[in-house]
Amino acid sequence: MKTVSIIGAGLVGSLLAIYLARRGYEVDVFESRSDCRVAGSDIGRSINLAMSCRGITGLSGAGILPIVKELMVPMRARAIHDEKGDVKYQAFGRHHDEYINAIQRTDLNKILLDEADKFPLIRWHFNTRLLHLDVSRKEANFIRSDGSQFTYAYQRVIGADGASSQVRTSLQQQGLVSTSREFISDGYKEIAISSASSNHLAREHLHLWPRDSLLLLGNPNLDNSVTGSLFLPLEGENSFSSLDNAPRIKAFFEKAFPDIAPMVPDVAGDFLNHPVGHMSTVKCAPWHHDDQCLLIGDAAHGLIPFFGQGMNSGFEDCRILNEFLDLYHDDWSRVMPAFYLARKPNTDAVSEMSTDNHNEIQMGIRNQRFNFKKQLEQHLMQRYPDRYVSKHVLVMFTNTNYATALAHGRLQSTLLDRICNQATQPADVDWLRVDELMHEYDKSLAQTHDQTETA
């Protein structure tokens, strides 16, 4: 019998288990935490997710999209709240029906586990933490929550155990991969915003309150409440280390976010009781050892969360891995290197875009020139629908390779700068000149595609 062991029963591990069971594999899934369906929600520990095209395609490929759709809340645009309480809106897509979807991580994980339970070939091993992987013996050493340890002989193992992956660490310790993990200087906490906010906040929007070194982000939920994610420096003034008591927290929040402060019922309680989340970028090469061990999702390419692509790129991993299994008829000696070579340039590209988007939503959206560029992009996509598709649209609403989207984005940035050098608002744009610039853009785009094909 074909068997695969997966380390990690989170979103990617659970979805991958379904893909493999559909192919006829026996799948053992080991997870250090308790079953979230029994232990309850991991309150305050995650940022709400933004499901876009890649995630949807990954779920569809596993046949479980219809049930997941019931958990989704459309987010059609950004709602950007300034210090005075004024709100500006920026559409995500090209039209009303092009939107991303908010979804709560734990609810999605529960559904994936329930759907996986429909396959008798999948076996769960919760409260079982990997200590070490010995690839020379093809053995995994685990410790249970009661302290007992055991050794498990595997046929093939896939590390879907997140940015802190013990599988990746084991491979690194044995000199089989090179890896880095870079943390950013900000952290985050979950802040609950009352459902009464639905009377004041635009529905079906991603809400942002950007400040100089602060950011509050709000994702809509099915019950009309909003899950807030507060991003602050870890150290310094107005940081997670300095805001350490209720009066100080309340005063800070009322000053920084006066329009939303009355709608946060227990900001001090959330702040003091919820853990600080840390954010990092993971790089690794290669993602596999021979044909026996593979890294996938955040274990291979963890992202900071500011482009909403962590889950989406992980689900895309599952779909593309399944396609390589089709292509090479389950010959893992060909599948693993081909998967790595195909995905690595694209996950590097989305990592770069995630960092860029961090700067965009922290500072860019408060800048007049930046906001004009966003308006201008909408005009370009309407005027040249077959020739200009923004980087954001390529990432969010298509399955275009991330590397291709990044290359488009670089050319688009140059084009937008050239237009904005002679205009400050849509009415000032010389569209005859833009027509000429678009011809140059088309040529540059064709050259980029030729270079990509050659590479």
Protein backbone atom coordinates (compact mmCIF):
# COMPACT_ATOMS: atom_id res chain seq x y z
CA MET A 1 0.00 0.00 0.00
CA LYS A 2 1.26 3.51 -0.83
CA THR A 3 1.77 5.46 2.40
CA VAL A 4 2.70 9.07 3.18
CA SER A 5 3.22 10.63 6.59
CA ILE A 6 2.39 14.31 7.02
CA ILE A 7 3.72 16.39 9.89
CA GLY A 8 1.17 19.11 10.66
CA ALA A 9 -2.64 19.01 10.64
CA GLY A 10 -3.12 22.70 9.98
CA LEU A 11 -4.67 24.10 6.83
CA VAL A 12 -2.06 22.86 4.35
CA GLY A 13 -1.49 19.50 6.01
CA SER A 14 -5.22 18.76 6.18
CA LEU A 15 -5.85 19.74 2.55
CA LEU A 16 -2.83 17.75 1.37
CA ALA A 17 -4.09 14.70 3.25
CA ILE A 18 -7.34 14.91 1.28
CA TYR A 19 -5.51 15.21 -2.04
CA LEU A 20 -3.35 12.19 -1.26
CA ALA A 21 -6.21 10.05 0.06
CA ARG A 22 -8.10 10.77 -3.15
CA ARG A 23 -5.10 9.27 -4.96
CA GLY A 24 -5.31 6.11 -2.88
CA TYR A 25 -2.55 6.80 -0.37
CA GLU A 26 -2.72 5.77 3.25
CA VAL A 27 -1.99 8.98 5.15
CA ASP A 28 -0.83 9.33 8.75
CA VAL A 29 -1.00 12.92 9.99
CA PHE A 30 0.92 13.92 13.13
CA GLU A 31 0.01 17.15 14.93
CA SER A 32 1.59 18.60 18.08
CA ARG A 33 -1.60 20.37 19.15
CA SER A 34 -4.97 19.00 20.18
CA ASP A 35 -7.75 18.47 17.68
CA CYS A 36 -9.21 21.97 17.28
CA ARG A 37 -12.70 20.46 16.91
CA VAL A 38 -12.42 19.15 20.48
CA ALA A 39 -10.19 21.76 22.08
CA GLY A 40 -12.16 24.69 20.71
CA SER A 41 -11.00 27.82 18.93
CA ASP A 42 -7.48 29.04 19.38
CA ILE A 43 -8.78 32.49 20.32
CA GLY A 44 -6.48 35.42 19.82
CA ARG A 45 -3.74 33.52 18.03
CA SER A 46 -4.25 34.13 14.32
CA ILE A 47 -5.00 36.77 11.75
CA ASN A 48 -8.24 36.19 9.86
CA LEU A 49 -7.52 34.84 6.41
CA ALA A 50 -8.20 36.33 2.98
CA MET A 51 -9.20 33.61 0.53
CA SER A 52 -8.46 34.51 -3.07
CA CYS A 53 -8.31 32.69 -6.40
CA ARG A 54 -5.37 30.40 -5.61
CA GLY A 55 -6.90 29.16 -2.39
CA ILE A 56 -10.28 28.69 -4.04
CA THR A 57 -8.70 26.73 -6.91
CA GLY A 58 -6.84 24.54 -4.42
CA LEU A 59 -10.04 23.73 -2.53
CA SER A 60 -11.91 23.11 -5.76
CA GLY A 61 -9.27 20.62 -6.88
CA ALA A 62 -9.90 18.62 -3.70
CA GLY A 63 -13.67 18.74 -4.25
CA ILE A 64 -14.51 20.66 -1.06
CA LEU A 65 -15.05 24.25 -2.21
CA PRO A 66 -18.89 24.29 -1.90
CA ILE A 67 -18.88 23.61 1.84
CA VAL A 68 -16.06 26.08 2.52
CA LYS A 69 -17.92 28.80 0.62
CA GLU A 70 -20.50 28.86 3.40
CA LEU A 71 -17.85 30.34 5.72
CA MET A 72 -16.69 33.10 3.39
CA VAL A 73 -17.50 36.79 3.70
CA PRO A 74 -16.83 38.90 0.57
CA MET A 75 -14.36 41.79 0.84
CA ARG A 76 -14.83 43.92 -2.26
CA ALA A 77 -12.53 46.81 -1.38
CA ARG A 78 -10.26 48.39 1.17
CA ALA A 79 -11.86 50.94 3.49
CA ILE A 80 -9.05 53.21 4.67
CA HIS A 81 -9.80 55.20 7.84
CA ASP A 82 -7.66 58.27 8.52
CA GLU A 83 -7.02 60.04 11.83
CA LYS A 84 -9.96 62.42 11.27
CA GLY A 85 -12.43 59.59 10.72
CA ASP A 86 -12.67 60.12 6.96
CA VAL A 87 -12.80 56.95 4.84
CA LYS A 88 -11.41 56.30 1.36
CA TYR A 89 -12.20 53.20 -0.66
CA GLN A 90 -9.98 51.20 -3.02
CA ALA A 91 -11.52 48.33 -4.96
CA PHE A 92 -9.61 45.06 -4.98
CA GLY A 93 -10.83 43.97 -8.39
CA ARG A 94 -11.91 45.38 -11.71
CA HIS A 95 -15.63 45.11 -11.02
CA HIS A 96 -18.13 44.41 -8.24
CA ASP A 97 -17.97 40.63 -8.56
CA GLU A 98 -14.17 40.44 -8.31
CA TYR A 99 -13.43 40.23 -4.59
CA ILE A 100 -11.47 38.36 -1.95
CA ASN A 101 -13.08 36.53 0.96
CA ALA A 102 -12.58 36.77 4.70
CA ILE A 103 -12.62 33.46 6.55
CA GLN A 104 -11.69 32.47 10.10
CA ARG A 105 -8.71 30.15 10.32
CA THR A 106 -10.06 27.80 12.98
CA ASP A 107 -13.43 27.39 11.26
CA LEU A 108 -11.69 26.52 8.00
CA ASN A 109 -9.36 24.07 9.74
CA LYS A 110 -12.34 22.30 11.34
CA ILE A 111 -14.04 21.86 7.97
CA LEU A 112 -10.87 20.48 6.40
CA LEU A 113 -10.52 17.97 9.25
CA ASP A 114 -14.19 16.96 8.93
CA GLU A 115 -13.84 16.50 5.17
CA ALA A 116 -10.65 14.49 5.64
CA ASP A 117 -12.50 12.24 8.11
CA LYS A 118 -14.61 11.04 5.20
CA PHE A 119 -11.55 9.16 3.93
CA PRO A 120 -10.81 5.97 5.91
CA LEU A 121 -7.26 6.09 4.55
CA ILE A 122 -6.47 9.16 6.72
CA ARG A 123 -5.40 8.61 10.34
CA TRP A 124 -4.86 11.45 12.83
CA HIS A 125 -2.27 11.52 15.59
CA PHE A 126 -2.94 14.64 17.69
CA ASN A 127 -0.90 15.78 20.72
CA THR A 128 2.10 14.16 19.04
CA ARG A 129 5.11 16.42 18.49
CA LEU A 130 8.01 15.63 16.20
CA LEU A 131 11.36 15.72 17.98
CA HIS A 132 13.67 14.68 15.18
CA LEU A 133 13.74 13.15 11.73
CA ASP A 134 16.55 10.73 10.92
CA VAL A 135 16.59 10.47 7.14
CA SER A 136 19.38 7.90 7.07
CA ARG A 137 17.13 5.46 8.95
CA LYS A 138 13.83 6.89 7.64
CA GLU A 139 12.67 7.22 11.24
CA ALA A 140 10.79 9.96 13.04
CA ASN A 141 11.01 10.44 16.80
CA PHE A 142 7.88 11.79 18.51
CA ILE A 143 6.80 12.79 21.99
CA ARG A 144 3.17 12.59 23.14
CA SER A 145 1.49 15.07 25.46
CA ASP A 146 1.85 12.58 28.35
CA GLY A 147 5.63 12.66 27.91
CA SER A 148 5.99 9.23 26.33
CA GLN A 149 8.24 8.96 23.28
CA PHE A 150 8.25 6.59 20.34
CA THR A 151 10.02 6.01 17.04
CA TYR A 152 8.03 5.73 13.82
CA ALA A 153 9.39 4.24 10.59
CA TYR A 154 8.10 6.19 7.61
CA GLN A 155 8.04 5.44 3.91
CA ARG A 156 7.75 9.06 2.82
CA VAL A 157 7.25 12.19 4.94
CA ILE A 158 5.98 15.68 4.11
CA GLY A 159 6.59 18.59 6.45
CA ALA A 160 3.52 20.83 6.56
CA ASP A 161 4.35 22.04 10.06
CA GLY A 162 4.50 25.76 9.45
CA ALA A 163 7.12 28.47 9.76
CA SER A 164 8.60 26.85 12.89
CA SER A 165 8.88 23.51 11.08
CA GLN A 166 10.72 20.80 12.99
CA VAL A 167 11.00 18.84 9.75
CA ARG A 168 12.94 21.71 8.20
CA THR A 169 15.08 22.06 11.33
CA SER A 170 15.92 18.34 11.24
CA LEU A 171 16.94 18.55 7.58
CA GLN A 172 19.07 21.59 8.33
CA GLN A 173 20.78 19.89 11.27
CA GLN A 174 21.73 17.01 8.99
CA GLY A 175 23.18 19.41 6.41
CA LEU A 176 20.54 18.59 3.80
CA VAL A 177 19.00 22.06 3.33
CA SER A 178 20.05 25.66 3.83
CA THR A 179 17.44 27.81 5.50
CA SER A 180 16.83 31.21 7.06
CA ARG A 181 14.04 32.74 9.09
CA GLU A 182 13.91 36.53 9.40
CA PHE A 183 11.53 38.12 11.89
CA ILE A 184 10.21 41.63 11.42
CA SER A 185 10.24 44.14 14.30
CA ASP A 186 6.43 44.28 14.56
CA GLY A 187 4.04 41.85 16.22
CA TYR A 188 0.27 41.59 16.30
CA LYS A 189 -2.64 40.87 18.61
CA GLU A 190 -6.23 39.98 17.86
CA ILE A 191 -8.73 42.62 18.97
CA ALA A 192 -12.48 41.87 18.85
CA ILE A 193 -14.66 44.59 17.34
CA SER A 194 -18.34 44.47 18.26
CA SER A 195 -21.02 43.40 15.79
CA ALA A 196 -22.57 46.81 16.49
CA SER A 197 -19.79 48.14 14.28
CA SER A 198 -21.77 46.93 11.27
CA ASN A 199 -23.92 50.05 11.66
CA HIS A 200 -20.85 52.25 11.23
CA LEU A 201 -18.42 50.28 9.09
CA ALA A 202 -19.03 49.50 5.44
CA ARG A 203 -19.91 45.85 5.00
CA GLU A 204 -17.96 43.51 2.74
CA HIS A 205 -14.78 45.57 3.12
CA LEU A 206 -11.32 45.05 4.54
CA HIS A 207 -10.91 47.93 7.00
CA LEU A 208 -7.55 49.55 7.63
CA TRP A 209 -6.51 52.21 10.11
CA PRO A 210 -2.91 53.02 9.06
CA ARG A 211 -0.82 55.23 11.32
CA ASP A 212 2.90 56.14 11.31
CA SER A 213 4.20 52.97 12.97
CA LEU A 214 0.88 51.34 13.76
CA LEU A 215 -1.77 49.50 11.82
CA LEU A 216 -5.19 48.19 12.77
CA LEU A 217 -6.72 45.83 10.24
CA GLY A 218 -10.32 44.62 10.41
CA ASN A 219 -11.76 41.52 8.70
CA PRO A 220 -15.54 41.02 8.53
CA ASN A 221 -17.15 37.91 10.04
CA LEU A 222 -20.40 36.10 9.24
CA ASP A 223 -22.10 37.51 12.38
CA ASN A 224 -21.33 41.10 11.27
CA SER A 225 -18.61 41.48 13.87
CA VAL A 226 -15.10 42.37 12.79
CA THR A 227 -11.90 40.63 13.83
CA GLY A 228 -9.26 43.28 14.38
CA SER A 229 -5.54 42.63 14.07
CA LEU A 230 -3.46 45.30 15.76
CA PHE A 231 0.13 45.58 14.48
CA LEU A 232 2.62 47.37 16.70
CA PRO A 233 6.38 47.45 17.23
CA LEU A 234 7.56 44.89 19.75
CA GLU A 235 9.68 47.46 21.60
CA GLY A 236 9.73 51.22 22.11
CA GLU A 237 7.06 53.85 22.62
CA ASN A 238 3.52 52.65 21.84
CA SER A 239 4.72 49.06 21.55
CA PHE A 240 3.64 45.73 22.95
CA SER A 241 6.30 46.02 25.64
CA SER A 242 5.34 49.53 26.78
CA LEU A 243 1.54 49.17 26.70
CA ASP A 244 1.36 46.96 29.77
CA ASN A 245 -1.67 48.13 31.76
CA ALA A 246 -5.34 48.88 31.12
CA PRO A 247 -5.32 52.70 31.51
CA ARG A 248 -2.33 53.06 29.19
CA ILE A 249 -3.86 50.72 26.60
CA LYS A 250 -7.23 52.50 26.60
CA ALA A 251 -5.61 55.94 26.32
CA PHE A 252 -3.42 54.77 23.45
CA PHE A 253 -6.31 53.19 21.56
CA GLU A 254 -8.61 56.20 21.97
CA LYS A 255 -5.90 58.53 20.69
CA ALA A 256 -4.76 56.37 17.77
CA PHE A 257 -8.16 55.05 16.64
CA PRO A 258 -10.84 57.40 18.00
CA ASP A 259 -13.50 56.42 15.46
CA ILE A 260 -13.35 52.70 16.28
CA ALA A 261 -12.48 52.84 20.01
CA PRO A 262 -16.13 52.92 21.19
CA MET A 263 -16.80 49.72 19.19
CA VAL A 264 -14.09 47.68 20.87
CA PRO A 265 -15.78 46.32 24.02
CA ASP A 266 -12.70 45.05 25.83
CA VAL A 267 -9.58 46.41 24.21
CA ALA A 268 -7.55 46.19 27.42
CA GLY A 269 -8.66 42.61 28.09
CA ASP A 270 -7.88 41.52 24.54
CA PHE A 271 -4.56 43.31 24.68
CA LEU A 272 -3.47 41.83 27.99
CA ASN A 273 -4.86 38.31 27.50
CA HIS A 274 -4.16 37.56 23.85
CA PRO A 275 -0.63 36.46 22.96
CA VAL A 276 1.64 38.51 20.74
CA GLY A 277 1.96 36.99 17.28
CA HIS A 278 5.36 37.14 15.61
CA MET A 279 5.87 37.39 11.86
CA SER A 280 8.70 36.08 9.75
CA THR A 281 9.89 35.22 6.28
CA VAL A 282 11.17 31.67 5.75
CA LYS A 283 13.57 30.78 2.94
CA CYS A 284 14.78 27.25 2.26
CA ALA A 285 16.67 25.39 -0.46
CA PRO A 286 16.03 22.75 -1.52
CA TRP A 287 12.62 21.71 -0.18
CA HIS A 288 13.26 17.99 -0.39
CA HIS A 289 15.72 15.22 0.36
CA ASP A 290 15.88 12.57 -2.35
CA ASP A 291 12.35 11.23 -2.80
CA GLN A 292 11.64 10.54 0.87
CA CYS A 293 11.11 13.98 2.46
CA LEU A 294 9.42 17.16 1.22
CA LEU A 295 8.59 20.57 2.71
CA ILE A 296 5.43 22.39 1.73
CA GLY A 297 3.58 25.60 2.63
CA ASP A 298 5.04 27.83 5.36
CA ALA A 299 7.53 25.11 6.28
CA ALA A 300 9.21 25.78 2.92
CA HIS A 301 8.37 29.42 2.24
CA GLY A 302 6.77 31.27 5.15
CA LEU A 303 5.49 34.78 4.40
CA ILE A 304 4.66 37.84 6.43
CA PRO A 305 0.86 38.21 6.20
CA PHE A 306 0.50 41.57 4.48
CA PHE A 307 -0.41 40.31 1.02
CA GLY A 308 -2.87 37.65 2.17
CA GLN A 309 -1.02 34.88 0.33
CA GLY A 310 0.23 32.53 3.05
CA MET A 311 -2.75 30.18 2.99
CA ASN A 312 -3.38 30.78 -0.70
CA SER A 313 0.16 29.87 -1.73
CA GLY A 314 0.04 26.82 0.57
CA PHE A 315 -3.18 25.59 -1.02
CA GLU A 316 -1.64 26.27 -4.43
CA ASP A 317 1.29 24.06 -3.36
CA CYS A 318 -1.16 21.21 -2.71
CA ARG A 319 -2.82 21.57 -6.10
CA ILE A 320 0.42 21.83 -8.04
CA LEU A 321 1.99 18.90 -6.17
CA ASN A 322 -1.06 16.85 -7.13
CA GLU A 323 -0.59 17.91 -10.77
CA PHE A 324 3.03 16.74 -10.72
CA LEU A 325 1.89 13.42 -9.24
CA ASP A 326 -0.44 13.13 -12.23
CA LEU A 327 2.29 14.13 -14.67
CA TYR A 328 4.90 11.70 -13.33
CA HIS A 329 2.51 8.89 -12.37
CA ASP A 330 3.37 9.12 -8.66
CA ASP A 331 7.11 8.73 -9.25
CA TRP A 332 8.23 10.83 -6.27
CA SER A 333 11.87 10.77 -7.42
CA ARG A 334 10.74 13.00 -10.29
CA VAL A 335 7.88 14.77 -8.53
CA MET A 336 9.82 16.28 -5.63
CA PRO A 337 12.60 18.02 -7.61
CA ALA A 338 10.18 19.16 -10.31
CA PHE A 339 7.80 20.58 -7.71
CA TYR A 340 10.63 22.45 -5.97
CA LEU A 341 12.08 23.88 -9.19
CA ALA A 342 8.64 25.03 -10.34
CA ARG A 343 7.55 26.57 -7.05
CA LYS A 344 10.72 28.11 -5.63
CA PRO A 345 10.95 31.13 -8.02
CA ASN A 346 7.28 31.84 -7.48
CA THR A 347 7.34 31.66 -3.70
CA ASP A 348 10.42 33.90 -3.68
CA ALA A 349 8.42 36.34 -5.80
CA VAL A 350 5.38 36.36 -3.51
CA SER A 351 7.69 36.83 -0.53
CA GLU A 352 9.06 39.98 -2.16
CA MET A 353 5.56 41.20 -2.97
CA SER A 354 4.41 40.55 0.62
CA THR A 355 7.20 42.77 1.93
CA ASP A 356 6.33 45.46 -0.61
CA ASN A 357 2.67 45.28 0.36
CA HIS A 358 3.58 45.71 4.02
CA ASN A 359 5.04 49.09 3.12
CA GLU A 360 2.03 49.86 0.94
CA ILE A 361 -0.65 49.34 3.56
CA GLN A 362 1.44 50.87 6.35
CA MET A 363 2.48 54.07 4.60
CA GLY A 364 1.57 54.11 0.88
CA ILE A 365 -2.18 54.29 1.26
CA ARG A 366 -1.77 57.55 3.20
CA ASN A 367 0.12 59.16 0.32
CA GLN A 368 -1.72 61.27 -2.27
CA ARG A 369 0.50 60.20 -5.18
CA PHE A 370 0.09 56.53 -4.25
CA ASN A 371 -3.69 56.84 -4.13
CA PHE A 372 -3.71 58.56 -7.50
CA LYS A 373 -1.77 55.62 -8.92
CA LYS A 374 -4.41 53.27 -7.58
CA GLN A 375 -7.13 55.33 -9.30
CA LEU A 376 -5.07 55.42 -12.46
CA GLU A 377 -4.68 51.63 -12.47
CA GLN A 378 -8.45 51.22 -12.44
CA HIS A 379 -8.69 53.56 -15.45
CA LEU A 380 -5.97 51.65 -17.28
CA MET A 381 -7.68 48.30 -16.68
CA GLN A 382 -10.96 49.70 -18.00
CA ARG A 383 -9.39 51.42 -20.99
CA TYR A 384 -7.01 48.58 -21.95
CA PRO A 385 -8.73 45.48 -20.53
CA ASP A 386 -6.77 43.01 -22.66
CA ARG A 387 -3.41 44.70 -22.20
CA TYR A 388 -3.20 46.03 -18.63
CA VAL A 389 -4.00 43.80 -15.66
CA SER A 390 -2.55 45.07 -12.40
CA LYS A 391 -0.14 43.01 -10.34
CA HIS A 392 -2.69 42.85 -7.52
CA VAL A 393 -5.39 41.50 -9.82
CA LEU A 394 -2.98 38.89 -11.24
CA VAL A 395 -2.14 37.74 -7.71
CA MET A 396 -5.62 37.86 -6.21
CA PHE A 397 -7.93 36.86 -9.04
CA THR A 398 -5.90 34.60 -11.33
CA ASN A 399 -3.55 31.64 -11.00
CA THR A 400 -0.83 33.46 -12.94
CA ASN A 401 2.62 32.50 -11.66
CA TYR A 402 3.73 34.80 -8.86
CA ALA A 403 7.02 35.45 -10.67
CA THR A 404 5.11 36.60 -13.74
CA ALA A 405 2.90 38.87 -11.63
CA LEU A 406 5.98 40.40 -10.01
CA ALA A 407 7.56 41.04 -13.42
CA HIS A 408 4.34 42.70 -14.61
CA GLY A 409 4.27 44.79 -11.46
CA ARG A 410 7.76 46.17 -12.04
CA LEU A 411 6.87 47.30 -15.55
CA GLN A 412 3.58 48.74 -14.31
CA SER A 413 5.37 50.74 -11.62
CA THR A 414 7.56 52.35 -14.27
CA LEU A 415 4.55 53.12 -16.47
CA LEU A 416 2.57 54.65 -13.61
CA ASP A 417 5.52 56.82 -12.57
CA ARG A 418 5.85 58.16 -16.11
CA ILE A 419 2.17 59.04 -16.27
CA CYS A 420 2.12 60.57 -12.78
CA ASN A 421 5.11 62.78 -13.55
CA GLN A 422 2.76 64.89 -15.69
CA ALA A 423 -0.55 64.45 -13.89
CA THR A 424 -1.83 64.56 -10.32
CA GLN A 425 -5.45 63.57 -10.88
CA PRO A 426 -7.38 61.57 -13.51
CA ALA A 427 -8.66 64.71 -15.23
CA ASP A 428 -5.07 65.78 -15.96
CA VAL A 429 -4.09 62.60 -17.79
CA ASP A 430 -3.10 63.01 -21.44
CA TRP A 431 -4.56 59.79 -22.82
CA LEU A 432 -2.96 60.23 -26.24
CA ARG A 433 0.43 60.15 -24.54
CA VAL A 434 -0.70 57.18 -22.46
CA ASP A 435 -1.57 55.36 -25.69
CA GLU A 436 2.05 55.85 -26.78
CA LEU A 437 3.38 54.71 -23.42
CA MET A 438 1.18 51.62 -23.60
CA HIS A 439 2.88 50.58 -26.86
CA GLU A 440 6.23 50.72 -25.05
CA TYR A 441 4.71 48.80 -22.14
CA ASP A 442 3.43 46.10 -24.50
CA LYS A 443 6.90 45.67 -26.02
CA SER A 444 8.55 45.47 -22.59
CA LEU A 445 5.96 42.95 -21.47
CA ALA A 446 6.62 40.79 -24.53
CA GLN A 447 10.36 40.90 -23.86
CA THR A 448 9.77 39.88 -20.25
CA HIS A 449 7.70 36.90 -21.40
CA ASP A 450 10.43 35.90 -23.88
CA GLN A 451 13.05 36.03 -21.11
CA THR A 452 10.83 33.97 -18.85
CA GLU A 453 10.31 31.37 -21.55
CA THR A 454 14.08 31.19 -22.20
CA ALA A 455 14.84 30.83 -18.49
